[in-house]
């Protein structure tokens, strides 16, 4: 569950850092990468999910991010037809099993990661790069 669930508790840099602890540098790296890729992160409040960060580039959602207790959850949604290219992507080799087994959410394939370390951040950036490339 996201840490920021109350509508009046909009996330701030200090609250994000406090909630993430050792994973705080991951948040900074991810949001800086998304901004540099032309998909800046904007916070929005959703009654059914609390505060979620949405990265939008070229009028398309690139990624959803949420601050969880000690980690960042990153989700990118792909069209069903992109499953095979994702499975063939060498940069995503560590995710092949998960991508192959993940059920569709409607007509979309969600790729969700828990980012806790620099290694996880690299994997998330590879997924984001695939999302930008396959958009």
N, C-alpha and C. Protein backbone atom coordinates (compact mmCIF):
# COMPACT_ATOMS: atom_id res chain seq x y z
N UNK A 1 0.83 -1.19 0.00
CA UNK A 1 0.00 0.00 0.00
C UNK A 1 0.88 1.25 0.00
N UNK A 2 0.46 2.24 -0.75
CA UNK A 2 1.21 3.49 -0.75
C UNK A 2 1.25 4.11 0.65
N UNK A 3 2.33 4.79 0.95
CA UNK A 3 2.48 5.46 2.23
C UNK A 3 1.55 6.66 2.30
N UNK A 4 1.41 7.35 1.20
CA UNK A 4 0.63 8.58 1.17
C UNK A 4 -0.80 8.29 0.72
N UNK A 5 -1.69 8.09 1.68
CA UNK A 5 -3.07 7.71 1.38
C UNK A 5 -4.08 8.82 1.63
N UNK A 6 -3.75 9.78 2.46
CA UNK A 6 -4.69 10.84 2.83
C UNK A 6 -4.64 11.98 1.84
N UNK A 7 -5.79 12.49 1.40
CA UNK A 7 -5.81 13.56 0.39
C UNK A 7 -5.09 14.83 0.82
N UNK A 8 -5.06 15.10 2.12
CA UNK A 8 -4.42 16.33 2.61
C UNK A 8 -2.92 16.17 2.83
N UNK A 9 -2.40 14.97 2.67
CA UNK A 9 -0.97 14.70 2.92
C UNK A 9 -0.20 14.54 1.62
N UNK A 10 -0.16 15.59 0.81
CA UNK A 10 0.57 15.52 -0.46
C UNK A 10 2.05 15.27 -0.18
N UNK A 11 2.65 14.35 -0.93
CA UNK A 11 4.06 14.03 -0.72
C UNK A 11 4.97 15.24 -0.97
N UNK A 12 5.94 15.39 -0.10
CA UNK A 12 6.99 16.40 -0.27
C UNK A 12 8.32 15.67 -0.30
N UNK A 13 9.36 16.36 -0.71
CA UNK A 13 10.69 15.73 -0.79
C UNK A 13 11.11 15.15 0.55
N UNK A 14 10.88 15.89 1.62
CA UNK A 14 11.31 15.39 2.94
C UNK A 14 10.48 14.19 3.39
N UNK A 15 9.17 14.20 3.12
CA UNK A 15 8.33 13.06 3.49
C UNK A 15 8.68 11.81 2.67
N UNK A 16 8.99 12.02 1.39
CA UNK A 16 9.39 10.91 0.53
C UNK A 16 10.68 10.30 1.05
N UNK A 17 11.65 11.14 1.36
CA UNK A 17 12.94 10.65 1.87
C UNK A 17 12.76 9.88 3.17
N UNK A 18 11.91 10.40 4.04
CA UNK A 18 11.65 9.73 5.32
C UNK A 18 10.98 8.36 5.10
N UNK A 19 10.01 8.30 4.19
CA UNK A 19 9.29 7.06 3.94
C UNK A 19 10.17 6.01 3.27
N UNK A 20 11.08 6.44 2.42
CA UNK A 20 11.91 5.49 1.67
C UNK A 20 13.17 5.07 2.42
N UNK A 21 13.66 5.89 3.30
CA UNK A 21 14.88 5.55 4.04
C UNK A 21 16.04 5.32 3.10
N UNK A 22 16.66 4.14 3.15
CA UNK A 22 17.83 3.82 2.33
C UNK A 22 17.52 3.82 0.83
N UNK A 23 16.26 3.69 0.46
CA UNK A 23 15.87 3.67 -0.95
C UNK A 23 15.61 5.07 -1.51
N UNK A 24 15.78 6.11 -0.71
CA UNK A 24 15.52 7.48 -1.17
C UNK A 24 16.34 7.86 -2.41
N UNK A 25 17.62 7.48 -2.51
CA UNK A 25 18.36 7.82 -3.73
C UNK A 25 17.75 7.19 -4.99
N UNK A 26 17.06 6.07 -4.84
CA UNK A 26 16.40 5.43 -5.98
C UNK A 26 15.32 6.34 -6.54
N UNK A 27 14.55 6.97 -5.65
CA UNK A 27 13.50 7.89 -6.07
C UNK A 27 14.10 9.04 -6.88
N UNK A 28 15.16 9.62 -6.36
CA UNK A 28 15.80 10.75 -7.03
C UNK A 28 16.32 10.34 -8.40
N UNK A 29 16.97 9.20 -8.48
CA UNK A 29 17.51 8.73 -9.75
C UNK A 29 16.40 8.47 -10.76
N UNK A 30 15.33 7.81 -10.33
CA UNK A 30 14.22 7.50 -11.23
C UNK A 30 13.53 8.76 -11.73
N UNK A 31 13.21 9.68 -10.84
CA UNK A 31 12.50 10.88 -11.26
C UNK A 31 13.38 11.77 -12.13
N UNK A 32 14.68 11.83 -11.83
CA UNK A 32 15.59 12.59 -12.70
C UNK A 32 15.68 11.96 -14.08
N UNK A 33 15.75 10.63 -14.13
CA UNK A 33 15.82 9.93 -15.41
C UNK A 33 14.55 10.18 -16.24
N UNK A 34 13.41 10.07 -15.60
CA UNK A 34 12.15 10.30 -16.31
C UNK A 34 12.06 11.74 -16.83
N UNK A 35 12.46 12.70 -16.02
CA UNK A 35 12.43 14.10 -16.45
C UNK A 35 13.36 14.31 -17.65
N UNK A 36 14.56 13.71 -17.59
CA UNK A 36 15.51 13.84 -18.69
C UNK A 36 14.99 13.17 -19.96
N UNK A 37 14.16 12.15 -19.81
CA UNK A 37 13.59 11.44 -20.96
C UNK A 37 12.34 12.15 -21.49
N UNK A 38 11.99 13.28 -20.89
CA UNK A 38 10.82 14.02 -21.36
C UNK A 38 9.52 13.57 -20.75
N UNK A 39 9.60 12.87 -19.62
CA UNK A 39 8.39 12.38 -18.94
C UNK A 39 8.45 12.75 -17.46
N UNK A 40 8.26 14.03 -17.16
CA UNK A 40 8.35 14.45 -15.76
C UNK A 40 7.24 13.82 -14.91
N UNK A 41 7.54 13.70 -13.64
CA UNK A 41 6.62 13.06 -12.69
C UNK A 41 5.72 14.10 -12.06
N UNK A 42 4.42 13.80 -12.04
CA UNK A 42 3.43 14.67 -11.42
C UNK A 42 2.64 13.84 -10.41
N UNK A 43 2.45 14.41 -9.23
CA UNK A 43 1.66 13.73 -8.20
C UNK A 43 0.17 13.99 -8.43
N UNK A 44 -0.61 12.93 -8.22
CA UNK A 44 -2.07 13.03 -8.30
C UNK A 44 -2.66 12.17 -7.19
N UNK A 45 -3.77 12.65 -6.67
CA UNK A 45 -4.46 11.88 -5.64
C UNK A 45 -5.61 11.10 -6.26
N UNK A 46 -5.70 9.81 -5.91
CA UNK A 46 -6.78 8.94 -6.39
C UNK A 46 -7.47 8.36 -5.16
N UNK A 47 -8.79 8.46 -5.12
CA UNK A 47 -9.54 7.97 -3.95
C UNK A 47 -9.27 6.50 -3.69
N UNK A 48 -9.07 5.72 -4.73
CA UNK A 48 -8.88 4.28 -4.54
C UNK A 48 -7.42 3.86 -4.42
N UNK A 49 -6.48 4.78 -4.51
CA UNK A 49 -5.08 4.39 -4.44
C UNK A 49 -4.17 5.36 -3.72
N UNK A 50 -4.71 6.47 -3.24
CA UNK A 50 -3.89 7.45 -2.55
C UNK A 50 -3.09 8.28 -3.55
N UNK A 51 -1.97 8.81 -3.10
CA UNK A 51 -1.11 9.64 -3.94
C UNK A 51 -0.23 8.76 -4.81
N UNK A 52 -0.33 8.93 -6.13
CA UNK A 52 0.49 8.21 -7.09
C UNK A 52 1.19 9.23 -7.97
N UNK A 53 2.42 8.92 -8.35
CA UNK A 53 3.17 9.77 -9.26
C UNK A 53 3.02 9.20 -10.66
N UNK A 54 2.68 10.07 -11.59
CA UNK A 54 2.45 9.67 -12.97
C UNK A 54 3.48 10.37 -13.84
N UNK A 55 4.26 9.60 -14.60
CA UNK A 55 5.25 10.16 -15.52
C UNK A 55 4.64 10.18 -16.91
N UNK A 56 4.50 11.37 -17.47
CA UNK A 56 3.86 11.53 -18.78
C UNK A 56 4.83 12.16 -19.76
N UNK A 57 4.96 11.52 -20.91
CA UNK A 57 5.80 12.05 -21.98
C UNK A 57 5.09 11.90 -23.30
N UNK A 58 5.11 12.92 -24.10
CA UNK A 58 4.43 12.92 -25.40
C UNK A 58 2.96 12.52 -25.27
N UNK A 59 2.32 13.05 -24.24
CA UNK A 59 0.90 12.81 -23.97
C UNK A 59 0.56 11.36 -23.64
N UNK A 60 1.55 10.57 -23.33
CA UNK A 60 1.31 9.17 -22.95
C UNK A 60 1.90 8.90 -21.57
N UNK A 61 1.21 8.06 -20.83
CA UNK A 61 1.74 7.67 -19.53
C UNK A 61 2.89 6.70 -19.74
N UNK A 62 4.05 7.05 -19.21
CA UNK A 62 5.24 6.22 -19.34
C UNK A 62 5.33 5.27 -18.14
N UNK A 63 5.06 5.79 -16.95
CA UNK A 63 5.20 4.98 -15.74
C UNK A 63 4.34 5.54 -14.62
N UNK A 64 3.98 4.66 -13.71
CA UNK A 64 3.32 5.03 -12.46
C UNK A 64 4.30 4.70 -11.35
N UNK A 65 4.44 5.59 -10.38
CA UNK A 65 5.32 5.37 -9.25
C UNK A 65 4.55 5.61 -7.96
N UNK A 66 4.82 4.79 -6.97
CA UNK A 66 4.25 5.03 -5.65
C UNK A 66 5.32 4.80 -4.61
N UNK A 67 5.23 5.56 -3.55
CA UNK A 67 6.16 5.44 -2.43
C UNK A 67 5.55 4.46 -1.45
N UNK A 68 6.24 3.37 -1.24
CA UNK A 68 5.81 2.35 -0.30
C UNK A 68 6.76 2.42 0.90
N UNK A 69 6.50 1.67 1.93
CA UNK A 69 7.37 1.66 3.09
C UNK A 69 8.74 1.05 2.76
N UNK A 70 9.73 1.88 2.46
CA UNK A 70 11.09 1.40 2.21
C UNK A 70 11.42 1.11 0.77
N UNK A 71 10.51 1.32 -0.15
CA UNK A 71 10.82 1.09 -1.57
C UNK A 71 9.88 1.89 -2.47
N UNK A 72 10.27 1.98 -3.74
CA UNK A 72 9.46 2.64 -4.75
C UNK A 72 8.86 1.56 -5.64
N UNK A 73 7.57 1.62 -5.84
CA UNK A 73 6.91 0.69 -6.77
C UNK A 73 6.79 1.42 -8.11
N UNK A 74 7.31 0.79 -9.16
CA UNK A 74 7.26 1.35 -10.51
C UNK A 74 6.47 0.38 -11.38
N UNK A 75 5.49 0.91 -12.11
CA UNK A 75 4.71 0.08 -13.03
C UNK A 75 4.65 0.76 -14.39
N UNK A 76 4.97 0.00 -15.41
CA UNK A 76 4.82 0.44 -16.80
C UNK A 76 3.84 -0.52 -17.46
N UNK A 77 2.92 0.03 -18.23
CA UNK A 77 1.94 -0.79 -18.94
C UNK A 77 2.29 -0.83 -20.43
N UNK A 78 2.25 -2.04 -20.98
CA UNK A 78 2.57 -2.27 -22.38
C UNK A 78 1.38 -2.89 -23.08
N UNK A 79 1.27 -2.64 -24.38
CA UNK A 79 0.26 -3.33 -25.17
C UNK A 79 0.59 -4.82 -25.19
N UNK A 80 -0.42 -5.64 -25.30
CA UNK A 80 -0.23 -7.10 -25.31
C UNK A 80 0.76 -7.52 -26.39
N UNK A 81 0.76 -6.86 -27.53
CA UNK A 81 1.65 -7.22 -28.64
C UNK A 81 3.13 -6.98 -28.31
N UNK A 82 3.40 -6.28 -27.22
CA UNK A 82 4.79 -5.98 -26.85
C UNK A 82 5.41 -7.05 -25.94
N UNK A 83 4.64 -8.06 -25.57
CA UNK A 83 5.19 -9.09 -24.68
C UNK A 83 6.41 -9.77 -25.31
N UNK A 84 6.31 -10.16 -26.57
CA UNK A 84 7.44 -10.84 -27.23
C UNK A 84 8.68 -9.95 -27.34
N UNK A 85 8.53 -8.69 -27.79
CA UNK A 85 9.72 -7.83 -27.81
C UNK A 85 10.34 -7.64 -26.43
N UNK A 86 9.52 -7.59 -25.39
CA UNK A 86 10.05 -7.48 -24.03
C UNK A 86 10.82 -8.74 -23.64
N UNK A 87 10.28 -9.89 -24.02
CA UNK A 87 10.96 -11.14 -23.70
C UNK A 87 12.28 -11.27 -24.46
N UNK A 88 12.37 -10.65 -25.63
CA UNK A 88 13.60 -10.70 -26.43
C UNK A 88 14.62 -9.64 -26.05
N UNK A 89 14.24 -8.68 -25.22
CA UNK A 89 15.12 -7.58 -24.83
C UNK A 89 16.18 -8.08 -23.84
N UNK A 90 17.43 -8.03 -24.25
CA UNK A 90 18.53 -8.50 -23.40
C UNK A 90 18.64 -7.70 -22.10
N UNK A 91 18.25 -6.43 -22.13
CA UNK A 91 18.32 -5.60 -20.93
C UNK A 91 17.30 -6.02 -19.88
N UNK A 92 16.32 -6.82 -20.29
CA UNK A 92 15.28 -7.28 -19.37
C UNK A 92 15.37 -8.78 -19.10
N UNK A 93 16.52 -9.35 -19.34
CA UNK A 93 16.70 -10.80 -19.19
C UNK A 93 16.29 -11.29 -17.80
N UNK A 94 16.56 -10.51 -16.77
CA UNK A 94 16.21 -10.92 -15.41
C UNK A 94 14.71 -10.90 -15.14
N UNK A 95 13.96 -10.30 -16.03
CA UNK A 95 12.51 -10.22 -15.84
C UNK A 95 11.72 -11.14 -16.76
N UNK A 96 12.42 -11.91 -17.59
CA UNK A 96 11.73 -12.74 -18.60
C UNK A 96 10.65 -13.63 -18.00
N UNK A 97 10.99 -14.31 -16.93
CA UNK A 97 10.03 -15.23 -16.31
C UNK A 97 8.78 -14.47 -15.84
N UNK A 98 8.98 -13.33 -15.19
CA UNK A 98 7.85 -12.54 -14.69
C UNK A 98 7.02 -11.99 -15.85
N UNK A 99 7.68 -11.49 -16.89
CA UNK A 99 6.96 -10.93 -18.04
C UNK A 99 6.16 -12.03 -18.74
N UNK A 100 6.74 -13.20 -18.86
CA UNK A 100 6.06 -14.31 -19.54
C UNK A 100 4.82 -14.76 -18.77
N UNK A 101 4.85 -14.68 -17.45
CA UNK A 101 3.76 -15.21 -16.64
C UNK A 101 2.75 -14.16 -16.18
N UNK A 102 3.06 -12.90 -16.35
CA UNK A 102 2.16 -11.86 -15.87
C UNK A 102 0.87 -11.85 -16.68
N UNK A 103 -0.28 -11.94 -16.01
CA UNK A 103 -1.55 -11.87 -16.74
C UNK A 103 -1.82 -10.44 -17.19
N UNK A 104 -2.61 -10.32 -18.22
CA UNK A 104 -2.99 -9.00 -18.70
C UNK A 104 -3.93 -8.33 -17.70
N UNK A 105 -3.88 -7.02 -17.69
CA UNK A 105 -4.82 -6.21 -16.92
C UNK A 105 -5.67 -5.51 -17.97
N UNK A 106 -6.82 -6.09 -18.25
CA UNK A 106 -7.60 -5.63 -19.40
C UNK A 106 -6.87 -6.06 -20.66
N UNK A 107 -6.48 -5.08 -21.46
CA UNK A 107 -5.71 -5.38 -22.68
C UNK A 107 -4.25 -5.00 -22.54
N UNK A 108 -3.82 -4.67 -21.32
CA UNK A 108 -2.46 -4.20 -21.11
C UNK A 108 -1.65 -5.16 -20.25
N UNK A 109 -0.35 -5.17 -20.51
CA UNK A 109 0.60 -6.00 -19.75
C UNK A 109 1.32 -5.11 -18.74
N UNK A 110 1.04 -5.29 -17.45
CA UNK A 110 1.75 -4.48 -16.45
C UNK A 110 3.10 -5.12 -16.10
N UNK A 111 4.13 -4.30 -16.05
CA UNK A 111 5.44 -4.74 -15.57
C UNK A 111 5.70 -3.90 -14.32
N UNK A 112 5.68 -4.55 -13.16
CA UNK A 112 5.80 -3.87 -11.88
C UNK A 112 7.07 -4.30 -11.17
N UNK A 113 7.78 -3.31 -10.63
CA UNK A 113 9.03 -3.56 -9.92
C UNK A 113 9.00 -2.91 -8.55
N UNK A 114 9.68 -3.54 -7.59
CA UNK A 114 9.93 -2.92 -6.30
C UNK A 114 11.38 -2.46 -6.31
N UNK A 115 11.58 -1.16 -6.26
CA UNK A 115 12.92 -0.59 -6.38
C UNK A 115 13.43 -0.24 -4.98
N UNK A 116 14.46 -0.98 -4.57
CA UNK A 116 15.03 -0.82 -3.23
C UNK A 116 16.52 -0.46 -3.26
N UNK A 117 17.17 -0.67 -4.41
CA UNK A 117 18.62 -0.49 -4.49
C UNK A 117 19.00 0.08 -5.86
N UNK A 118 20.29 0.40 -5.99
CA UNK A 118 20.79 0.91 -7.27
C UNK A 118 20.61 -0.13 -8.37
N UNK A 119 20.79 -1.40 -8.05
CA UNK A 119 20.59 -2.46 -9.05
C UNK A 119 19.14 -2.48 -9.54
N UNK A 120 18.20 -2.38 -8.59
CA UNK A 120 16.78 -2.33 -8.95
C UNK A 120 16.48 -1.10 -9.80
N UNK A 121 17.14 0.01 -9.47
CA UNK A 121 16.94 1.24 -10.24
C UNK A 121 17.35 1.04 -11.68
N UNK A 122 18.47 0.35 -11.90
CA UNK A 122 18.93 0.06 -13.26
C UNK A 122 17.92 -0.77 -14.03
N UNK A 123 17.33 -1.75 -13.37
CA UNK A 123 16.31 -2.57 -14.01
C UNK A 123 15.08 -1.74 -14.35
N UNK A 124 14.67 -0.87 -13.43
CA UNK A 124 13.51 -0.01 -13.68
C UNK A 124 13.78 0.93 -14.85
N UNK A 125 14.99 1.45 -14.95
CA UNK A 125 15.34 2.33 -16.06
C UNK A 125 15.30 1.56 -17.38
N UNK A 126 15.69 0.29 -17.36
CA UNK A 126 15.61 -0.54 -18.57
C UNK A 126 14.15 -0.75 -18.99
N UNK A 127 13.26 -0.95 -18.03
CA UNK A 127 11.83 -1.11 -18.33
C UNK A 127 11.26 0.20 -18.88
N UNK A 128 11.65 1.31 -18.27
CA UNK A 128 11.19 2.62 -18.74
C UNK A 128 11.69 2.87 -20.16
N UNK A 129 12.93 2.51 -20.44
CA UNK A 129 13.48 2.68 -21.79
C UNK A 129 12.68 1.85 -22.80
N UNK A 130 12.32 0.63 -22.41
CA UNK A 130 11.51 -0.21 -23.29
C UNK A 130 10.13 0.42 -23.52
N UNK A 131 9.56 0.97 -22.47
CA UNK A 131 8.24 1.63 -22.60
C UNK A 131 8.32 2.81 -23.56
N UNK A 132 9.37 3.60 -23.44
CA UNK A 132 9.54 4.75 -24.35
C UNK A 132 9.77 4.29 -25.78
N UNK A 133 10.54 3.23 -25.94
CA UNK A 133 10.86 2.72 -27.27
C UNK A 133 9.64 2.08 -27.96
N UNK A 134 8.82 1.38 -27.18
CA UNK A 134 7.70 0.63 -27.74
C UNK A 134 6.40 1.45 -27.77
N UNK A 135 6.44 2.66 -27.29
CA UNK A 135 5.22 3.50 -27.25
C UNK A 135 4.74 3.84 -28.64
